[in-house]
Amino acid sequence: MDAPKILLAALPLGTLAGACGGPRPPAGQDALVFRHPKLFGDPQPLDALVGAFERAHAATNKTVGIRARTLETVPADKQDTMMPEFRKQVQAEYDAAGGPMWRAAANEVRLVLSAKK
């Protein structure tokens, strides 16, 4: 195989390897990061949309907090026994007067569905 063919075959692999690098979130914290090429025109609308996805919302924050206080406090082999307590606390948040968790969850679903259009 001659050099130009090898170079053409290696180029996509190099591109993929470069796309897989980058900063990692701290241990135990997941992050969804959108990357896109430079756009023509005003980047503000896309940056706002990406920012909305990258932010955690109220329902997600409450659930993650409950998980940290219940499931994450016990060893991995004991987490199954702690699951009913986690579910009970999450359900208590959803049952709170006025339904703030239901509204927050509906807003998250609405945001995801509007972005699919």
PDB file of N, CA and C in Angstrom:
ATOM      1  N   MET A   1       0.851  -1.176   0.000  1.00  0.00           N
ATOM      2  CA  MET A   1       0.000   0.000   0.000  1.00  0.00           C
ATOM      3  C   MET A   1       0.898   1.240   0.000  1.00  0.00           C
ATOM      4  N   ASP A   2       0.574   2.204  -0.808  1.00  0.00           N
ATOM      5  CA  ASP A   2       1.413   3.390  -0.889  1.00  0.00           C
ATOM      6  C   ASP A   2       1.030   4.416   0.185  1.00  0.00           C
ATOM      7  N   ALA A   3       1.876   5.398   0.410  1.00  0.00           N
ATOM      8  CA  ALA A   3       1.741   6.373   1.499  1.00  0.00           C
ATOM      9  C   ALA A   3       0.442   7.174   1.447  1.00  0.00           C
ATOM     10  N   PRO A   4      -0.004   7.679   0.282  1.00  0.00           N
ATOM     11  CA  PRO A   4      -1.249   8.459   0.280  1.00  0.00           C
ATOM     12  C   PRO A   4      -2.465   7.645   0.737  1.00  0.00           C
ATOM     13  N   LYS A   5      -2.514   6.365   0.371  1.00  0.00           N
ATOM     14  CA  LYS A   5      -3.650   5.537   0.788  1.00  0.00           C
ATOM     15  C   LYS A   5      -3.614   5.290   2.301  1.00  0.00           C
ATOM     16  N   ILE A   6      -2.411   5.094   2.829  1.00  0.00           N
ATOM     17  CA  ILE A   6      -2.283   4.895   4.276  1.00  0.00           C
ATOM     18  C   ILE A   6      -2.709   6.157   5.010  1.00  0.00           C
ATOM     19  N   LEU A   7      -2.290   7.307   4.508  1.00  0.00           N
ATOM     20  CA  LEU A   7      -2.645   8.578   5.121  1.00  0.00           C
ATOM     21  C   LEU A   7      -4.165   8.787   5.078  1.00  0.00           C
ATOM     22  N   LEU A   8      -4.788   8.494   3.943  1.00  0.00           N
ATOM     23  CA  LEU A   8      -6.237   8.643   3.840  1.00  0.00           C
ATOM     24  C   LEU A   8      -6.975   7.683   4.767  1.00  0.00           C
ATOM     25  N   ALA A   9      -6.435   6.495   4.951  1.00  0.00           N
ATOM     26  CA  ALA A   9      -7.062   5.532   5.855  1.00  0.00           C
ATOM     27  C   ALA A   9      -6.887   5.942   7.315  1.00  0.00           C
ATOM     28  N   ALA A  10      -5.776   6.575   7.658  1.00  0.00           N
ATOM     29  CA  ALA A  10      -5.496   6.961   9.038  1.00  0.00           C
ATOM     30  C   ALA A  10      -6.184   8.257   9.437  1.00  0.00           C
ATOM     31  N   LEU A  11      -6.541   9.100   8.494  1.00  0.00           N
ATOM     32  CA  LEU A  11      -7.139  10.393   8.800  1.00  0.00           C
ATOM     33  C   LEU A  11      -8.434  10.285   9.612  1.00  0.00           C
ATOM     34  N   PRO A  12      -9.395   9.431   9.226  1.00  0.00           N
ATOM     35  CA  PRO A  12     -10.615   9.330  10.045  1.00  0.00           C
ATOM     36  C   PRO A  12     -10.337   8.820  11.460  1.00  0.00           C
ATOM     37  N   LEU A  13      -9.398   7.908  11.605  1.00  0.00           N
ATOM     38  CA  LEU A  13      -9.067   7.396  12.939  1.00  0.00           C
ATOM     39  C   LEU A  13      -8.475   8.488  13.809  1.00  0.00           C
ATOM     40  N   GLY A  14      -7.624   9.314  13.225  1.00  0.00           N
ATOM     41  CA  GLY A  14      -7.048  10.431  13.974  1.00  0.00           C
ATOM     42  C   GLY A  14      -8.104  11.433  14.399  1.00  0.00           C
ATOM     43  N   THR A  15      -9.076  11.671  13.527  1.00  0.00           N
ATOM     44  CA  THR A  15     -10.168  12.586  13.848  1.00  0.00           C
ATOM     45  C   THR A  15     -10.998  12.046  15.005  1.00  0.00           C
ATOM     46  N   LEU A  16     -11.306  10.760  14.968  1.00  0.00           N
ATOM     47  CA  LEU A  16     -12.067  10.158  16.057  1.00  0.00           C
ATOM     48  C   LEU A  16     -11.299  10.195  17.368  1.00  0.00           C
ATOM     49  N   ALA A  17     -10.010   9.908  17.306  1.00  0.00           N
ATOM     50  CA  ALA A  17      -9.206   9.916  18.530  1.00  0.00           C
ATOM     51  C   ALA A  17      -9.168  11.316  19.132  1.00  0.00           C
ATOM     52  N   GLY A  18      -9.089  12.337  18.299  1.00  0.00           N
ATOM     53  CA  GLY A  18      -9.083  13.708  18.803  1.00  0.00           C
ATOM     54  C   GLY A  18     -10.420  14.109  19.396  1.00  0.00           C
ATOM     55  N   ALA A  19     -11.511  13.585  18.853  1.00  0.00           N
ATOM     56  CA  ALA A  19     -12.840  13.924  19.357  1.00  0.00           C
ATOM     57  C   ALA A  19     -13.138  13.247  20.689  1.00  0.00           C
ATOM     58  N   CYS A  20     -12.455  12.156  20.977  1.00  0.00           N
ATOM     59  CA  CYS A  20     -12.726  11.419  22.211  1.00  0.00           C
ATOM     60  C   CYS A  20     -11.989  11.992  23.413  1.00  0.00           C
ATOM     61  N   GLY A  21     -11.040  12.857  23.196  1.00  0.00           N
ATOM     62  CA  GLY A  21     -10.289  13.427  24.306  1.00  0.00           C
ATOM     63  C   GLY A  21     -11.042  14.573  24.933  1.00  0.00           C
ATOM     64  N   GLY A  22     -10.399  15.230  25.845  1.00  0.00           N
ATOM     65  CA  GLY A  22     -11.008  16.400  26.464  1.00  0.00           C
ATOM     66  C   GLY A  22     -11.163  16.203  27.944  1.00  0.00           C
ATOM     67  N   PRO A  23     -11.579  17.259  28.617  1.00  0.00           N
ATOM     68  CA  PRO A  23     -11.699  17.186  30.071  1.00  0.00           C
ATOM     69  C   PRO A  23     -12.807  16.236  30.489  1.00  0.00           C
ATOM     70  N   ARG A  24     -12.584  15.557  31.565  1.00  0.00           N
ATOM     71  CA  ARG A  24     -13.567  14.618  32.108  1.00  0.00           C
ATOM     72  C   ARG A  24     -14.222  15.267  33.337  1.00  0.00           C
ATOM     73  N   PRO A  25     -15.499  14.955  33.581  1.00  0.00           N
ATOM     74  CA  PRO A  25     -16.139  15.482  34.790  1.00  0.00           C
ATOM     75  C   PRO A  25     -15.545  14.806  36.022  1.00  0.00           C
ATOM     76  N   PRO A  26     -15.676  15.436  37.187  1.00  0.00           N
ATOM     77  CA  PRO A  26     -15.182  14.808  38.419  1.00  0.00           C
ATOM     78  C   PRO A  26     -15.836  13.451  38.642  1.00  0.00           C
ATOM     79  N   ALA A  27     -15.157  12.603  39.383  1.00  0.00           N
ATOM     80  CA  ALA A  27     -15.662  11.255  39.649  1.00  0.00           C
ATOM     81  C   ALA A  27     -17.041  11.327  40.296  1.00  0.00           C
ATOM     82  N   GLY A  28     -17.962  10.511  39.808  1.00  0.00           N
ATOM     83  CA  GLY A  28     -19.303  10.465  40.353  1.00  0.00           C
ATOM     84  C   GLY A  28     -20.237  11.510  39.771  1.00  0.00           C
ATOM     85  N   GLN A  29     -19.747  12.363  38.904  1.00  0.00           N
ATOM     86  CA  GLN A  29     -20.582  13.413  38.314  1.00  0.00           C
ATOM     87  C   GLN A  29     -20.523  13.274  36.806  1.00  0.00           C
ATOM     88  N   ASP A  30     -21.667  13.056  36.196  1.00  0.00           N
ATOM     89  CA  ASP A  30     -21.733  12.933  34.750  1.00  0.00           C
ATOM     90  C   ASP A  30     -22.030  14.295  34.143  1.00  0.00           C
ATOM     91  N   ALA A  31     -21.526  14.512  32.958  1.00  0.00           N
ATOM     92  CA  ALA A  31     -21.794  15.768  32.265  1.00  0.00           C
ATOM     93  C   ALA A  31     -22.113  15.468  30.816  1.00  0.00           C
ATOM     94  N   LEU A  32     -23.092  16.167  30.301  1.00  0.00           N
ATOM     95  CA  LEU A  32     -23.444  16.066  28.901  1.00  0.00           C
ATOM     96  C   LEU A  32     -22.945  17.334  28.238  1.00  0.00           C
ATOM     97  N   VAL A  33     -22.003  17.182  27.318  1.00  0.00           N
ATOM     98  CA  VAL A  33     -21.390  18.334  26.674  1.00  0.00           C
ATOM     99  C   VAL A  33     -21.614  18.221  25.175  1.00  0.00           C
ATOM    100  N   PHE A  34     -22.188  19.255  24.601  1.00  0.00           N
ATOM    101  CA  PHE A  34     -22.410  19.289  23.164  1.00  0.00           C
ATOM    102  C   PHE A  34     -21.290  20.088  22.522  1.00  0.00           C
ATOM    103  N   ARG A  35     -20.712  19.537  21.471  1.00  0.00           N
ATOM    104  CA  ARG A  35     -19.678  20.254  20.715  1.00  0.00           C
ATOM    105  C   ARG A  35     -20.153  20.362  19.280  1.00  0.00           C
ATOM    106  N   HIS A  36     -19.903  21.499  18.685  1.00  0.00           N
ATOM    107  CA  HIS A  36     -20.339  21.713  17.312  1.00  0.00           C
ATOM    108  C   HIS A  36     -19.326  22.608  16.614  1.00  0.00           C
ATOM    109  N   PRO A  37     -19.257  22.508  15.301  1.00  0.00           N
ATOM    110  CA  PRO A  37     -18.334  23.384  14.567  1.00  0.00           C
ATOM    111  C   PRO A  37     -18.835  24.829  14.622  1.00  0.00           C
ATOM    112  N   LYS A  38     -17.946  25.753  14.302  1.00  0.00           N
ATOM    113  CA  LYS A  38     -18.321  27.158  14.277  1.00  0.00           C
ATOM    114  C   LYS A  38     -19.437  27.366  13.264  1.00  0.00           C
ATOM    115  N   LEU A  39     -20.437  28.121  13.680  1.00  0.00           N
ATOM    116  CA  LEU A  39     -21.606  28.342  12.850  1.00  0.00           C
ATOM    117  C   LEU A  39     -21.530  29.718  12.186  1.00  0.00           C
ATOM    118  N   PHE A  40     -22.217  29.832  11.066  1.00  0.00           N
ATOM    119  CA  PHE A  40     -22.346  31.136  10.424  1.00  0.00           C
ATOM    120  C   PHE A  40     -23.432  31.910  11.149  1.00  0.00           C
ATOM    121  N   GLY A  41     -23.285  33.180  11.234  1.00  0.00           N
ATOM    122  CA  GLY A  41     -24.311  34.009  11.863  1.00  0.00           C
ATOM    123  C   GLY A  41     -24.148  34.055  13.374  1.00  0.00           C
ATOM    124  N   ASP A  42     -25.230  34.410  14.036  1.00  0.00           N
ATOM    125  CA  ASP A  42     -25.227  34.614  15.478  1.00  0.00           C
ATOM    126  C   ASP A  42     -25.262  33.263  16.199  1.00  0.00           C
ATOM    127  N   PRO A  43     -24.263  32.961  17.024  1.00  0.00           N
ATOM    128  CA  PRO A  43     -24.244  31.673  17.737  1.00  0.00           C
ATOM    129  C   PRO A  43     -25.100  31.670  18.994  1.00  0.00           C
ATOM    130  N   GLN A  44     -25.669  32.811  19.362  1.00  0.00           N
ATOM    131  CA  GLN A  44     -26.403  32.951  20.623  1.00  0.00           C
ATOM    132  C   GLN A  44     -27.563  31.960  20.768  1.00  0.00           C
ATOM    133  N   PRO A  45     -28.426  31.758  19.766  1.00  0.00           N
ATOM    134  CA  PRO A  45     -29.548  30.819  19.957  1.00  0.00           C
ATOM    135  C   PRO A  45     -29.090  29.391  20.232  1.00  0.00           C
ATOM    136  N   LEU A  46     -28.099  28.915  19.507  1.00  0.00           N
ATOM    137  CA  LEU A  46     -27.618  27.551  19.739  1.00  0.00           C
ATOM    138  C   LEU A  46     -26.923  27.446  21.087  1.00  0.00           C
ATOM    139  N   ASP A  47     -26.162  28.456  21.461  1.00  0.00           N
ATOM    140  CA  ASP A  47     -25.505  28.435  22.771  1.00  0.00           C
ATOM    141  C   ASP A  47     -26.532  28.392  23.894  1.00  0.00           C
ATOM    142  N   ALA A  48     -27.638  29.096  23.732  1.00  0.00           N
ATOM    143  CA  ALA A  48     -28.694  29.076  24.748  1.00  0.00           C
ATOM    144  C   ALA A  48     -29.334  27.695  24.846  1.00  0.00           C
ATOM    145  N   LEU A  49     -29.576  27.066  23.695  1.00  0.00           N
ATOM    146  CA  LEU A  49     -30.163  25.730  23.691  1.00  0.00           C
ATOM    147  C   LEU A  49     -29.222  24.714  24.326  1.00  0.00           C
ATOM    148  N   VAL A  50     -27.955  24.779  23.955  1.00  0.00           N
ATOM    149  CA  VAL A  50     -26.957  23.869  24.526  1.00  0.00           C
ATOM    150  C   VAL A  50     -26.840  24.093  26.028  1.00  0.00           C
ATOM    151  N   GLY A  51     -26.848  25.346  26.442  1.00  0.00           N
ATOM    152  CA  GLY A  51     -26.779  25.652  27.872  1.00  0.00           C
ATOM    153  C   GLY A  51     -27.954  25.080  28.637  1.00  0.00           C
ATOM    154  N   ALA A  52     -29.132  25.095  28.019  1.00  0.00           N
ATOM    155  CA  ALA A  52     -30.315  24.543  28.680  1.00  0.00           C
ATOM    156  C   ALA A  52     -30.179  23.040  28.887  1.00  0.00           C
ATOM    157  N   PHE A  53     -29.584  22.348  27.928  1.00  0.00           N
ATOM    158  CA  PHE A  53     -29.374  20.910  28.083  1.00  0.00           C
ATOM    159  C   PHE A  53     -28.292  20.611  29.100  1.00  0.00           C
ATOM    160  N   GLU A  54     -27.260  21.432  29.162  1.00  0.00           N
ATOM    161  CA  GLU A  54     -26.148  21.156  30.063  1.00  0.00           C
ATOM    162  C   GLU A  54     -26.505  21.447  31.511  1.00  0.00           C
ATOM    163  N   ARG A  55     -27.470  22.322  31.750  1.00  0.00           N
ATOM    164  CA  ARG A  55     -27.889  22.649  33.114  1.00  0.00           C
ATOM    165  C   ARG A  55     -28.743  21.526  33.662  1.00  0.00           C
ATOM    166  N   ALA A  56     -28.565  21.246  34.918  1.00  0.00           N
ATOM    167  CA  ALA A  56     -29.455  20.298  35.577  1.00  0.00           C
ATOM    168  C   ALA A  56     -30.716  21.057  35.994  1.00  0.00           C
ATOM    169  N   HIS A  57     -31.858  20.436  35.915  1.00  0.00           N
ATOM    170  CA  HIS A  57     -33.113  21.089  36.246  1.00  0.00           C
ATOM    171  C   HIS A  57     -33.561  20.684  37.642  1.00  0.00           C
ATOM    172  N   ALA A  58     -34.604  21.303  38.119  1.00  0.00           N
ATOM    173  CA  ALA A  58     -35.057  21.126  39.503  1.00  0.00           C
ATOM    174  C   ALA A  58     -35.352  19.671  39.848  1.00  0.00           C
ATOM    175  N   ALA A  59     -36.103  18.984  38.991  1.00  0.00           N
ATOM    176  CA  ALA A  59     -36.457  17.596  39.285  1.00  0.00           C
ATOM    177  C   ALA A  59     -35.208  16.715  39.327  1.00  0.00           C
ATOM    178  N   THR A  60     -34.295  16.942  38.393  1.00  0.00           N
ATOM    179  CA  THR A  60     -33.057  16.167  38.361  1.00  0.00           C
ATOM    180  C   THR A  60     -32.221  16.447  39.605  1.00  0.00           C
ATOM    181  N   ASN A  61     -32.096  17.707  39.977  1.00  0.00           N
ATOM    182  CA  ASN A  61     -31.302  18.067  41.160  1.00  0.00           C
ATOM    183  C   ASN A  61     -31.847  17.426  42.422  1.00  0.00           C
ATOM    184  N   LYS A  62     -33.169  17.463  42.608  1.00  0.00           N
ATOM    185  CA  LYS A  62     -33.749  16.864  43.812  1.00  0.00           C
ATOM    186  C   LYS A  62     -33.513  15.365  43.845  1.00  0.00           C
ATOM    187  N   THR A  63     -33.713  14.696  42.719  1.00  0.00           N
ATOM    188  CA  THR A  63     -33.534  13.245  42.662  1.00  0.00           C
ATOM    189  C   THR A  63     -32.081  12.874  42.907  1.00  0.00           C
ATOM    190  N   VAL A  64     -31.157  13.612  42.327  1.00  0.00           N
ATOM    191  CA  VAL A  64     -29.732  13.337  42.543  1.00  0.00           C
ATOM    192  C   VAL A  64     -29.362  13.558  44.004  1.00  0.00           C
ATOM    193  N   GLY A  65     -29.938  14.585  44.626  1.00  0.00           N
ATOM    194  CA  GLY A  65     -29.680  14.831  46.044  1.00  0.00           C
ATOM    195  C   GLY A  65     -30.166  13.698  46.924  1.00  0.00           C
ATOM    196  N   ILE A  66     -31.367  13.195  46.616  1.00  0.00           N
ATOM    197  CA  ILE A  66     -31.908  12.065  47.387  1.00  0.00           C
ATOM    198  C   ILE A  66     -31.037  10.836  47.178  1.00  0.00           C
ATOM    199  N   ARG A  67     -30.607  10.620  45.954  1.00  0.00           N
ATOM    200  CA  ARG A  67     -29.728   9.471  45.676  1.00  0.00           C
ATOM    201  C   ARG A  67     -28.434   9.582  46.477  1.00  0.00           C
ATOM    202  N   ALA A  68     -27.878  10.778  46.550  1.00  0.00           N
ATOM    203  CA  ALA A  68     -26.630  10.970  47.293  1.00  0.00           C
ATOM    204  C   ALA A  68     -26.819  10.699  48.781  1.00  0.00           C
ATOM    205  N   ARG A  69     -27.997  11.026  49.308  1.00  0.00           N
ATOM    206  CA  ARG A  69     -28.249  10.808  50.740  1.00  0.00           C
ATOM    207  C   ARG A  69     -28.640   9.376  51.071  1.00  0.00           C
ATOM    208  N   THR A  70     -29.102   8.610  50.082  1.00  0.00           N
ATOM    209  CA  THR A  70     -29.572   7.253  50.372  1.00  0.00           C
ATOM    210  C   THR A  70     -28.661   6.195  49.750  1.00  0.00           C
ATOM    211  N   LEU A  71     -28.710   6.063  48.443  1.00  0.00           N
ATOM    212  CA  LEU A  71     -27.994   4.977  47.773  1.00  0.00           C
ATOM    213  C   LEU A  71     -26.482   5.124  47.821  1.00  0.00           C
ATOM    214  N   GLU A  72     -25.988   6.351  47.726  1.00  0.00           N
ATOM    215  CA  GLU A  72     -24.538   6.547  47.673  1.00  0.00           C
ATOM    216  C   GLU A  72     -23.869   6.431  49.041  1.00  0.00           C
ATOM    217  N   THR A  73     -24.647   6.333  50.109  1.00  0.00           N
ATOM    218  CA  THR A  73     -24.064   6.255  51.454  1.00  0.00           C
ATOM    219  C   THR A  73     -23.753   4.824  51.874  1.00  0.00           C
ATOM    220  N   VAL A  74     -24.209   3.849  51.099  1.00  0.00           N
ATOM    221  CA  VAL A  74     -23.989   2.449  51.452  1.00  0.00           C
ATOM    222  C   VAL A  74     -23.109   1.786  50.395  1.00  0.00           C
ATOM    223  N   PRO A  75     -22.426   0.687  50.740  1.00  0.00           N
ATOM    224  CA  PRO A  75     -21.609  -0.024  49.745  1.00  0.00           C
ATOM    225  C   PRO A  75     -22.479  -0.564  48.606  1.00  0.00           C
ATOM    226  N   ALA A  76     -21.850  -0.831  47.488  1.00  0.00           N
ATOM    227  CA  ALA A  76     -22.562  -1.264  46.280  1.00  0.00           C
ATOM    228  C   ALA A  76     -23.397  -2.528  46.516  1.00  0.00           C
ATOM    229  N   ASP A  77     -22.908  -3.442  47.326  1.00  0.00           N
ATOM    230  CA  ASP A  77     -23.651  -4.693  47.547  1.00  0.00           C
ATOM    231  C   ASP A  77     -24.879  -4.488  48.438  1.00  0.00           C
ATOM    232  N   LYS A  78     -24.994  -3.352  49.114  1.00  0.00           N
ATOM    233  CA  LYS A  78     -26.142  -3.064  49.987  1.00  0.00           C
ATOM    234  C   LYS A  78     -27.128  -2.082  49.357  1.00  0.00           C
ATOM    235  N   GLN A  79     -26.849  -1.608  48.148  1.00  0.00           N
ATOM    236  CA  GLN A  79     -27.705  -0.593  47.541  1.00  0.00           C
ATOM    237  C   GLN A  79     -29.104  -1.117  47.231  1.00  0.00           C
ATOM    238  N   ASP A  80     -29.236  -2.409  46.941  1.00  0.00           N
ATOM    239  CA  ASP A  80     -30.560  -2.973  46.677  1.00  0.00           C
ATOM    240  C   ASP A  80     -31.463  -2.852  47.900  1.00  0.00           C
ATOM    241  N   THR A  81     -30.887  -2.984  49.091  1.00  0.00           N
ATOM    242  CA  THR A  81     -31.702  -2.868  50.307  1.00  0.00           C
ATOM    243  C   THR A  81     -32.095  -1.419  50.575  1.00  0.00           C
ATOM    244  N   MET A  82     -31.350  -0.467  50.051  1.00  0.00           N
ATOM    245  CA  MET A  82     -31.637   0.952  50.259  1.00  0.00           C
ATOM    246  C   MET A  82     -32.587   1.514  49.200  1.00  0.00           C
ATOM    247  N   MET A  83     -32.816   0.773  48.114  1.00  0.00           N
ATOM    248  CA  MET A  83     -33.655   1.250  47.014  1.00  0.00           C
ATOM    249  C   MET A  83     -35.077   1.612  47.446  1.00  0.00           C
ATOM    250  N   PRO A  84     -35.751   0.828  48.313  1.00  0.00           N
ATOM    251  CA  PRO A  84     -37.100   1.242  48.734  1.00  0.00           C
ATOM    252  C   PRO A  84     -37.111   2.606  49.443  1.00  0.00           C
ATOM    253  N   GLU A  85     -36.097   2.892  50.232  1.00  0.00           N
ATOM    254  CA  GLU A  85     -36.013   4.193  50.910  1.00  0.00           C
ATOM    255  C   GLU A  85     -35.832   5.316  49.890  1.00  0.00           C
ATOM    256  N   PHE A  86     -34.997   5.086  48.890  1.00  0.00           N
ATOM    257  CA  PHE A  86     -34.788   6.070  47.821  1.00  0.00           C
ATOM    258  C   PHE A  86     -36.107   6.347  47.110  1.00  0.00           C
ATOM    259  N   ARG A  87     -36.815   5.289  46.732  1.00  0.00           N
ATOM    260  CA  ARG A  87     -38.087   5.448  46.027  1.00  0.00           C
ATOM    261  C   ARG A  87     -39.120   6.165  46.891  1.00  0.00           C
ATOM    262  N   LYS A  88     -39.136   5.844  48.189  1.00  0.00           N
ATOM    263  CA  LYS A  88     -40.087   6.479  49.106  1.00  0.00           C
ATOM    264  C   LYS A  88     -39.826   7.984  49.186  1.00  0.00           C
ATOM    265  N   GLN A  89     -38.562   8.387  49.277  1.00  0.00           N
ATOM    266  CA  GLN A  89     -38.240   9.805  49.370  1.00  0.00           C
ATOM    267  C   GLN A  89     -38.529  10.547  48.072  1.00  0.00           C
ATOM    268  N   VAL A  90     -38.248   9.907  46.929  1.00  0.00           N
ATOM    269  CA  VAL A  90     -38.559  10.537  45.642  1.00  0.00           C
ATOM    270  C   VAL A  90     -40.070  10.688  45.500  1.00  0.00           C
ATOM    271  N   GLN A  91     -40.833   9.656  45.875  1.00  0.00           N
ATOM    272  CA  GLN A  91     -42.288   9.740  45.786  1.00  0.00           C
ATOM    273  C   GLN A  91     -42.825  10.825  46.711  1.00  0.00           C
ATOM    274  N   ALA A  92     -42.229  10.987  47.883  1.00  0.00           N
ATOM    275  CA  ALA A  92     -42.653  12.049  48.800  1.00  0.00           C
ATOM    276  C   ALA A  92     -42.446  13.427  48.171  1.00  0.00           C
ATOM    277  N   GLU A  93     -41.376  13.599  47.423  1.00  0.00           N
ATOM    278  CA  GLU A  93     -41.153  14.876  46.731  1.00  0.00           C
ATOM    279  C   GLU A  93     -42.217  15.106  45.660  1.00  0.00           C
ATOM    280  N   TYR A  94     -42.581  14.047  44.936  1.00  0.00           N
ATOM    281  CA  TYR A  94     -43.624  14.185  43.916  1.00  0.00           C
ATOM    282  C   TYR A  94     -44.993  14.432  44.542  1.00  0.00           C
ATOM    283  N   ASP A  95     -45.232  13.912  45.750  1.00  0.00           N
ATOM    284  CA  ASP A  95     -46.523  14.072  46.415  1.00  0.00           C
ATOM    285  C   ASP A  95     -46.646  15.395  47.165  1.00  0.00           C
ATOM    286  N   ALA A  96     -45.608  16.210  47.203  1.00  0.00           N
ATOM    287  CA  ALA A  96     -45.636  17.478  47.938  1.00  0.00           C
ATOM    288  C   ALA A  96     -46.749  18.377  47.405  1.00  0.00           C
ATOM    289  N   ALA A  97     -47.281  19.187  48.297  1.00  0.00           N
ATOM    290  CA  ALA A  97     -48.388  20.079  47.934  1.00  0.00           C
ATOM    291  C   ALA A  97     -47.994  21.014  46.790  1.00  0.00           C
ATOM    292  N   GLY A  98     -48.869  21.151  45.830  1.00  0.00           N
ATOM    293  CA  GLY A  98     -48.614  22.037  44.699  1.00  0.00           C
ATOM    294  C   GLY A  98     -47.923  21.358  43.534  1.00  0.00           C
ATOM    295  N   GLY A  99     -47.360  20.187  43.742  1.00  0.00           N
ATOM    296  CA  GLY A  99     -46.733  19.416  42.666  1.00  0.00           C
ATOM    297  C   GLY A  99     -45.532  20.057  41.993  1.00  0.00           C
ATOM    298  N   PRO A 100     -44.587  20.651  42.751  1.00  0.00           N
ATOM    299  CA  PRO A 100     -43.446  21.295  42.081  1.00  0.00           C
ATOM    300  C   PRO A 100     -42.570  20.315  41.305  1.00  0.00           C
ATOM    301  N   MET A 101     -42.447  19.086  41.784  1.00  0.00           N
ATOM    302  CA  MET A 101     -41.623  18.109  41.062  1.00  0.00           C
ATOM    303  C   MET A 101     -42.284  17.709  39.748  1.00  0.00           C
ATOM    304  N   TRP A 102     -43.608  17.594  39.737  1.00  0.00           N
ATOM    305  CA  TRP A 102     -44.299  17.251  38.504  1.00  0.00           C
ATOM    306  C   TRP A 102     -44.111  18.348  37.463  1.00  0.00           C
ATOM    307  N   ARG A 103     -44.212  19.604  37.896  1.00  0.00           N
ATOM    308  CA  ARG A 103     -44.010  20.713  36.961  1.00  0.00           C
ATOM    309  C   ARG A 103     -42.581  20.746  36.445  1.00  0.00           C
ATOM    310  N   ALA A 104     -41.613  20.519  37.333  1.00  0.00           N
ATOM    311  CA  ALA A 104     -40.211  20.523  36.913  1.00  0.00           C
ATOM    312  C   ALA A 104     -39.924  19.381  35.946  1.00  0.00           C
ATOM    313  N   ALA A 105     -40.475  18.196  36.221  1.00  0.00           N
ATOM    314  CA  ALA A 105     -40.265  17.057  35.330  1.00  0.00           C
ATOM    315  C   ALA A 105     -40.921  17.312  33.974  1.00  0.00           C
ATOM    316  N   ALA A 106     -42.123  17.904  33.982  1.00  0.00           N
ATOM    317  CA  ALA A 106     -42.803  18.209  32.723  1.00  0.00           C
ATOM    318  C   ALA A 106     -42.013  19.231  31.912  1.00  0.00           C
ATOM    319  N   ASN A 107     -41.415  20.194  32.589  1.00  0.00           N
ATOM    320  CA  ASN A 107     -40.585  21.183  31.883  1.00  0.00           C
ATOM    321  C   ASN A 107     -39.371  20.525  31.241  1.00  0.00           C
ATOM    322  N   GLU A 108     -38.767  19.563  31.934  1.00  0.00           N
ATOM    323  CA  GLU A 108     -37.618  18.860  31.358  1.00  0.00           C
ATOM    324  C   GLU A 108     -38.033  18.080  30.115  1.00  0.00           C
ATOM    325  N   VAL A 109     -39.163  17.393  30.190  1.00  0.00           N
ATOM    326  CA  VAL A 109     -39.651  16.627  29.039  1.00  0.00           C
ATOM    327  C   VAL A 109     -39.977  17.574  27.892  1.00  0.00           C
ATOM    328  N   ARG A 110     -40.617  18.690  28.193  1.00  0.00           N
ATOM    329  CA  ARG A 110     -40.961  19.678  27.165  1.00  0.00           C
ATOM    330  C   ARG A 110     -39.692  20.205  26.483  1.00  0.00           C
ATOM    331  N   LEU A 111     -38.652  20.453  27.255  1.00  0.00           N
ATOM    332  CA  LEU A 111     -37.395  20.952  26.703  1.00  0.00           C
ATOM    333  C   LEU A 111     -36.785  19.930  25.740  1.00  0.00           C
ATOM    334  N   VAL A 112     -36.772  18.672  26.138  1.00  0.00           N
ATOM    335  CA  VAL A 112     -36.202  17.634  25.274  1.00  0.00           C
ATOM    336  C   VAL A 112     -37.017  17.483  23.998  1.00  0.00           C
ATOM    337  N   LEU A 113     -38.337  17.475  24.131  1.00  0.00           N
ATOM    338  CA  LEU A 113     -39.188  17.309  22.946  1.00  0.00           C
ATOM    339  C   LEU A 113     -39.091  18.501  21.997  1.00  0.00           C
ATOM    340  N   SER A 114     -38.964  19.706  22.532  1.00  0.00           N
ATOM    341  CA  SER A 114     -38.862  20.873  21.652  1.00  0.00           C
ATOM    342  C   SER A 114     -37.539  20.882  20.899  1.00  0.00           C
ATOM    343  N   ALA A 115     -36.517  20.291  21.473  1.00  0.00           N
ATOM    344  CA  ALA A 115     -35.209  20.253  20.808  1.00  0.00           C
ATOM    345  C   ALA A 115     -35.172  19.205  19.702  1.00  0.00           C
ATOM    346  N   LYS A 116     -36.065  18.232  19.730  1.00  0.00           N
ATOM    347  CA  LYS A 116     -36.084  17.184  18.706  1.00  0.00           C
ATOM    348  C   LYS A 116     -36.667  17.664  17.390  1.00  0.00           C
ATOM    349  N   LYS A 117     -37.367  18.806  17.410  1.00  0.00           N
ATOM    350  CA  LYS A 117     -38.009  19.308  16.183  1.00  0.00           C
ATOM    351  C   LYS A 117     -37.005  19.796  15.199  1.00  0.00           C
TER     352      LYS A 117
END
